[in-house]
Amino acid sequence: MHSFKIQTEVSLLNFLLSQFPSAPRTRVKKWLQLGCVSVNAKSVTKHNHALAKGDEVRVEPGKKTPLLFDSPMKVVFQDTDILVVDKPAGLLTVSTEKEKIKTAYFQLNEWLKQANPPERVFIVHRLDRETSGLLVFAKNEAAKKKLQDDWDGAEKHYTAVVEGKPPKDEDTLESMLSENKALRVFSADHGIKSAKLAVTHYQLIKTSGFFSLLDVVPQTGRKNQIRVQLSEIGTPVTGDKKYGAAKNPIGRLALHARELSFEHPVTRQFMTFKSEVPREIPKILR
């Protein structure tokens, strides 16, 4: 939030442009349109509003600005160092050769350009396109490095519906994961240089007919880790054709990142965020 005390008579738009010289005129007008500017504690949307000496102007660029592109992402938390969002299934985390715009990374950067320049986001971790749930971005390089250095220490809980029933009600899965030229991740021999250790804990919550509901806790953060390791014990994530699923009753992966806890990279406060599991996922078992 930015707060100013007016020293001389001036129109609101001209005053804002003088205080935010790097912000395009269209962006400043958008702040007014979206109710991000108040004068003497009252929201003002007219750009020609006359300011008088002694007036107090407050500007909160990110307070009410919606995400661009009618994005269904929900901002769960943000401060000067981190941004936590709830990503829907179907949205990429970062761009690919074929898709540059319909990604969480692009949309959030465009939002921040409009809402609170010169802020931007930096990638900390990723969720697969068809996986929904909590996704964390950093707002500066230092926060990014600290979060990534500590990421294996973050506590992550996923809800998954799998095909079949796991061989054990509770277990820890360990394997060395690598990726082939077809971008398929697989368990490899320890001798392969590209292979990295992946550790995943799971607990059976409920089973019903062909499907089982699991609480999954990845200890490491390898690409497709949960999907690969659950598939390799004979219980692929529902909807995951790439790793052997036979059915796709909800048109997406039945995998949701529902809870995330980690130490703030600057304040060192231990923070926990939660996301409601989309109702269609547990309904698969009914």
Protein backbone atom coordinates (compact mmCIF):
# COMPACT_ATOMS: atom_id res chain seq x y z
CA MET A 1 0.00 0.00 0.00
CA HIS A 2 1.15 3.52 -0.83
CA SER A 3 -0.08 6.56 1.14
CA PHE A 4 0.31 10.22 0.18
CA LYS A 5 -0.58 13.62 1.68
CA ILE A 6 -1.60 16.17 -0.94
CA GLN A 7 0.35 19.45 -0.86
CA THR A 8 -1.38 21.31 -3.70
CA GLU A 9 -4.55 21.12 -5.78
CA VAL A 10 -4.31 18.62 -8.64
CA SER A 11 -6.46 16.07 -10.47
CA LEU A 12 -6.27 12.53 -9.13
CA LEU A 13 -5.02 10.98 -12.37
CA ASN A 14 -2.27 13.53 -12.84
CA PHE A 15 -1.17 13.05 -9.24
CA LEU A 16 -1.01 9.27 -9.64
CA LEU A 17 0.96 9.53 -12.86
CA SER A 18 3.47 11.80 -11.13
CA GLN A 19 3.91 9.34 -8.25
CA PHE A 20 4.17 6.23 -10.45
CA PRO A 21 6.18 7.42 -13.48
CA SER A 22 7.04 3.85 -14.58
CA ALA A 23 3.40 2.75 -14.68
CA PRO A 24 1.64 3.15 -18.05
CA ARG A 25 -1.32 5.54 -18.10
CA THR A 26 -3.68 2.66 -18.96
CA ARG A 27 -2.55 0.73 -15.88
CA VAL A 28 -3.12 3.69 -13.55
CA LYS A 29 -6.61 4.15 -14.99
CA LYS A 30 -7.21 0.45 -14.34
CA TRP A 31 -6.34 0.95 -10.67
CA LEU A 32 -9.03 3.60 -10.49
CA GLN A 33 -11.55 1.47 -12.34
CA LEU A 34 -10.99 -1.49 -10.02
CA GLY A 35 -11.29 0.49 -6.78
CA CYS A 36 -7.64 0.35 -5.81
CA VAL A 37 -7.45 4.10 -5.02
CA SER A 38 -9.06 5.89 -2.09
CA VAL A 39 -9.19 9.56 -1.07
CA ASN A 40 -9.73 10.27 2.62
CA ALA A 41 -10.62 6.58 3.14
CA LYS A 42 -13.31 6.57 0.40
CA SER A 43 -12.87 4.69 -2.87
CA VAL A 44 -12.63 7.00 -5.91
CA THR A 45 -12.91 5.75 -9.49
CA LYS A 46 -13.08 9.05 -11.46
CA HIS A 47 -9.73 10.05 -12.92
CA ASN A 48 -10.65 13.77 -12.93
CA HIS A 49 -11.46 13.83 -9.20
CA ALA A 50 -10.08 17.11 -7.78
CA LEU A 51 -7.62 16.72 -4.93
CA ALA A 52 -7.27 19.48 -2.34
CA LYS A 53 -4.39 20.31 -0.02
CA GLY A 54 -4.47 18.00 2.99
CA ASP A 55 -6.29 15.12 1.25
CA GLU A 56 -4.92 11.66 1.94
CA VAL A 57 -4.58 9.36 -1.06
CA ARG A 58 -4.03 5.63 -0.66
CA VAL A 59 -3.14 3.29 -3.49
CA GLU A 60 -3.37 -0.50 -3.08
CA PRO A 61 -2.58 -1.82 -6.59
CA GLY A 62 -2.92 -5.52 -5.77
CA LYS A 63 -5.85 -5.38 -3.38
CA LYS A 64 -8.77 -5.76 -5.75
CA THR A 65 -7.19 -6.35 -9.12
CA PRO A 66 -8.44 -9.64 -10.59
CA LEU A 67 -6.19 -12.05 -12.41
CA LEU A 68 -5.95 -11.44 -16.13
CA PHE A 69 -7.44 -13.70 -18.78
CA ASP A 70 -10.36 -14.57 -16.48
CA SER A 71 -8.00 -16.98 -14.74
CA PRO A 72 -9.62 -19.36 -12.25
CA MET A 73 -6.50 -19.23 -10.09
CA LYS A 74 -7.08 -18.04 -6.55
CA VAL A 75 -4.46 -16.04 -4.68
CA VAL A 76 -4.18 -17.70 -1.27
CA PHE A 77 -1.42 -15.49 0.17
CA GLN A 78 1.11 -12.92 -0.88
CA ASP A 79 3.62 -10.55 0.67
CA THR A 80 6.77 -8.89 -0.62
CA ASP A 81 8.64 -12.21 -0.92
CA ILE A 82 6.21 -15.02 -1.80
CA LEU A 83 2.96 -15.66 -3.64
CA VAL A 84 0.82 -18.76 -3.00
CA VAL A 85 -1.95 -19.65 -5.44
CA ASP A 86 -4.52 -22.41 -5.88
CA LYS A 87 -3.99 -23.70 -9.42
CA PRO A 88 -6.84 -25.40 -11.27
CA ALA A 89 -6.37 -28.57 -13.30
CA GLY A 90 -5.68 -27.86 -16.97
CA LEU A 91 -3.32 -24.91 -16.43
CA LEU A 92 0.40 -25.28 -17.00
CA THR A 93 2.80 -24.00 -14.35
CA VAL A 94 5.31 -22.71 -16.92
CA SER A 95 5.37 -22.36 -20.69
CA THR A 96 6.16 -25.04 -23.25
CA GLU A 97 7.18 -24.76 -26.89
CA LYS A 98 3.50 -24.86 -27.85
CA GLU A 99 1.96 -22.76 -25.05
CA LYS A 100 3.39 -19.48 -23.77
CA ILE A 101 0.40 -17.60 -22.35
CA LYS A 102 -2.00 -20.02 -20.67
CA THR A 103 0.35 -20.71 -17.76
CA ALA A 104 0.31 -19.77 -14.10
CA TYR A 105 3.74 -18.14 -14.45
CA PHE A 106 2.77 -15.89 -17.36
CA GLN A 107 -0.61 -14.89 -15.94
CA LEU A 108 0.75 -14.02 -12.52
CA ASN A 109 3.57 -11.95 -13.99
CA GLU A 110 1.08 -10.04 -16.15
CA TRP A 111 -1.15 -9.49 -13.13
CA LEU A 112 1.69 -8.10 -11.06
CA LYS A 113 2.79 -5.83 -13.92
CA GLN A 114 -0.66 -4.31 -13.82
CA ALA A 115 -1.28 -4.44 -10.10
CA ASN A 116 2.02 -3.60 -8.46
CA PRO A 117 4.97 -2.89 -10.78
CA PRO A 118 7.82 -3.77 -10.83
CA GLU A 119 6.97 -6.98 -8.93
CA ARG A 120 7.27 -10.33 -10.71
CA VAL A 121 7.31 -14.01 -9.82
CA PHE A 122 10.05 -16.64 -9.93
CA ILE A 123 9.53 -20.40 -10.24
CA VAL A 124 10.04 -22.40 -7.01
CA HIS A 125 8.39 -25.73 -7.91
CA ARG A 126 5.81 -27.05 -10.40
CA LEU A 127 2.53 -28.89 -10.59
CA ASP A 128 1.65 -30.97 -13.63
CA ARG A 129 -0.93 -29.44 -15.97
CA GLU A 130 -3.76 -31.77 -14.87
CA THR A 131 -2.85 -31.63 -11.17
CA SER A 132 -4.65 -28.98 -9.11
CA GLY A 133 -3.78 -27.32 -5.83
CA LEU A 134 -1.25 -25.19 -4.02
CA LEU A 135 1.60 -23.64 -5.96
CA VAL A 136 4.26 -21.30 -4.54
CA PHE A 137 6.18 -18.58 -6.38
CA ALA A 138 8.93 -16.31 -5.09
CA LYS A 139 8.92 -12.55 -5.73
CA ASN A 140 12.68 -12.09 -5.77
CA GLU A 141 15.80 -14.14 -6.52
CA ALA A 142 16.88 -14.41 -2.89
CA ALA A 143 13.51 -15.84 -1.80
CA LYS A 144 13.56 -18.24 -4.75
CA LYS A 145 16.98 -19.61 -3.85
CA LYS A 146 16.12 -20.04 -0.18
CA LEU A 147 12.81 -21.79 -0.92
CA GLN A 148 14.40 -24.13 -3.46
CA ASP A 149 17.34 -24.94 -1.18
CA ASP A 150 14.89 -25.91 1.57
CA TRP A 151 12.17 -27.43 -0.63
CA ASP A 152 12.71 -31.07 0.35
CA GLY A 153 12.03 -29.93 3.93
CA ALA A 154 8.60 -28.55 3.03
CA GLU A 155 5.64 -30.67 4.12
CA LYS A 156 3.38 -31.53 1.17
CA HIS A 157 0.11 -33.47 1.28
CA TYR A 158 -1.71 -34.61 -1.84
CA THR A 159 -5.06 -36.32 -2.19
CA ALA A 160 -5.08 -38.97 -4.90
CA VAL A 161 -7.58 -41.47 -6.25
CA VAL A 162 -5.84 -44.48 -7.79
CA GLU A 163 -6.98 -47.52 -9.73
CA GLY A 164 -6.93 -50.67 -7.63
CA LYS A 165 -5.74 -51.04 -4.05
CA PRO A 166 -2.12 -50.57 -2.97
CA PRO A 167 -0.32 -53.72 -1.76
CA LYS A 168 0.03 -52.13 1.70
CA ASP A 169 -2.29 -49.76 3.56
CA GLU A 170 0.69 -47.55 4.33
CA ASP A 171 4.16 -47.52 2.85
CA THR A 172 7.19 -45.50 1.78
CA LEU A 173 8.23 -45.73 -1.86
CA GLU A 174 11.87 -45.13 -2.81
CA SER A 175 13.33 -45.24 -6.30
CA MET A 176 15.81 -43.52 -8.57
CA LEU A 177 13.93 -41.59 -11.24
CA SER A 178 15.19 -40.59 -14.67
CA GLU A 179 13.56 -39.27 -17.85
CA ASN A 180 13.86 -40.58 -21.41
CA LYS A 181 13.81 -38.67 -24.70
CA ALA A 182 10.04 -39.13 -24.92
CA LEU A 183 9.73 -37.15 -21.63
CA ARG A 184 8.53 -40.22 -19.77
CA VAL A 185 9.85 -40.59 -16.21
CA PHE A 186 10.83 -44.07 -15.01
CA SER A 187 12.69 -45.87 -12.22
CA ALA A 188 16.31 -46.35 -13.22
CA ASP A 189 19.40 -48.14 -11.95
CA HIS A 190 21.53 -46.31 -9.43
CA GLY A 191 24.33 -46.23 -12.00
CA ILE A 192 22.51 -43.86 -14.35
CA LYS A 193 23.94 -40.37 -13.79
CA SER A 194 20.66 -38.57 -14.53
CA ALA A 195 18.69 -40.62 -11.99
CA LYS A 196 17.65 -38.85 -8.78
CA LEU A 197 16.32 -40.28 -5.54
CA ALA A 198 12.55 -39.98 -5.09
CA VAL A 199 10.81 -40.74 -1.79
CA THR A 200 7.04 -40.81 -1.37
CA HIS A 201 4.92 -41.82 1.60
CA TYR A 202 1.29 -42.85 1.20
CA GLN A 203 -1.59 -43.95 3.41
CA LEU A 204 -4.79 -45.65 2.29
CA ILE A 205 -7.84 -43.67 3.38
CA LYS A 206 -10.65 -45.55 1.67
CA THR A 207 -11.20 -48.16 -1.00
CA SER A 208 -14.36 -48.77 -2.98
CA GLY A 209 -14.64 -51.18 -5.87
CA PHE A 210 -12.10 -50.34 -8.53
CA PHE A 211 -10.70 -47.18 -6.84
CA SER A 212 -8.80 -46.19 -3.69
CA LEU A 213 -8.39 -42.81 -1.96
CA LEU A 214 -4.89 -42.03 -0.70
CA ASP A 215 -3.11 -39.37 1.34
CA VAL A 216 0.24 -38.94 -0.41
CA VAL A 217 3.26 -37.14 1.06
CA PRO A 218 6.22 -36.67 -1.31
CA GLN A 219 9.44 -36.19 0.62
CA THR A 220 11.32 -35.15 -2.52
CA GLY A 221 10.16 -33.11 -5.49
CA ARG A 222 11.00 -35.02 -8.67
CA LYS A 223 9.10 -34.60 -11.93
CA ASN A 224 5.99 -36.86 -12.08
CA GLN A 225 7.20 -38.51 -8.86
CA ILE A 226 3.83 -39.41 -7.34
CA ARG A 227 2.41 -40.57 -10.65
CA VAL A 228 5.36 -42.81 -11.51
CA GLN A 229 5.81 -44.43 -8.12
CA LEU A 230 2.11 -45.17 -7.61
CA SER A 231 1.94 -46.64 -11.10
CA GLU A 232 4.93 -48.86 -10.43
CA ILE A 233 3.19 -50.51 -7.45
CA GLY A 234 0.19 -51.28 -9.67
CA THR A 235 -2.07 -48.37 -8.69
CA PRO A 236 -1.80 -45.57 -11.28
CA VAL A 237 -3.48 -42.25 -10.53
CA THR A 238 -6.96 -42.24 -12.04
CA GLY A 239 -6.98 -40.40 -15.36
CA ASP A 240 -3.22 -40.80 -15.85
CA LYS A 241 -3.10 -42.54 -19.24
CA LYS A 242 0.61 -41.72 -19.60
CA TYR A 243 1.45 -43.97 -16.64
CA GLY A 244 -1.03 -46.77 -17.18
CA ALA A 245 -4.46 -45.66 -15.96
CA ALA A 246 -7.35 -47.37 -17.76
CA LYS A 247 -10.09 -44.92 -16.78
CA ASN A 248 -10.60 -41.17 -16.73
CA PRO A 249 -14.01 -40.53 -15.16
CA ILE A 250 -13.49 -36.81 -14.44
CA GLY A 251 -11.43 -35.77 -17.47
CA ARG A 252 -8.29 -34.96 -15.48
CA LEU A 253 -5.78 -36.49 -13.06
CA ALA A 254 -7.39 -37.35 -9.74
CA LEU A 255 -4.51 -35.66 -7.92
CA HIS A 256 -4.70 -32.50 -5.79
CA ALA A 257 -2.04 -30.67 -3.76
CA ARG A 258 -4.19 -29.90 -0.73
CA GLU A 259 -1.77 -28.85 2.02
CA LEU A 260 1.63 -27.18 2.05
CA SER A 261 3.81 -26.11 4.97
CA PHE A 262 7.21 -24.44 4.80
CA GLU A 263 9.42 -21.87 6.48
CA HIS A 264 9.09 -18.36 5.09
CA PRO A 265 12.36 -17.52 3.27
CA VAL A 266 12.77 -14.16 5.04
CA THR A 267 10.76 -14.07 8.28
CA ARG A 268 11.54 -17.76 9.07
CA GLN A 269 7.92 -18.15 10.22
CA PHE A 270 6.54 -21.66 9.66
CA MET A 271 3.49 -21.27 7.43
CA THR A 272 0.73 -23.73 6.46
CA PHE A 273 -1.67 -23.35 3.55
CA LYS A 274 -4.65 -25.54 2.66
CA SER A 275 -6.76 -26.01 -0.45
CA GLU A 276 -10.13 -27.71 -0.56
CA VAL A 277 -10.09 -30.94 -2.55
CA PRO A 278 -12.30 -30.58 -5.67
CA ARG A 279 -15.49 -32.48 -4.97
CA GLU A 280 -15.27 -34.56 -8.15
CA ILE A 281 -12.12 -36.35 -6.91
CA PRO A 282 -13.51 -38.19 -3.83
CA LYS A 283 -16.82 -38.71 -5.66
CA ILE A 284 -15.03 -41.19 -7.95
CA LEU A 285 -15.28 -43.77 -5.15
CA ARG A 286 -19.06 -43.52 -4.83
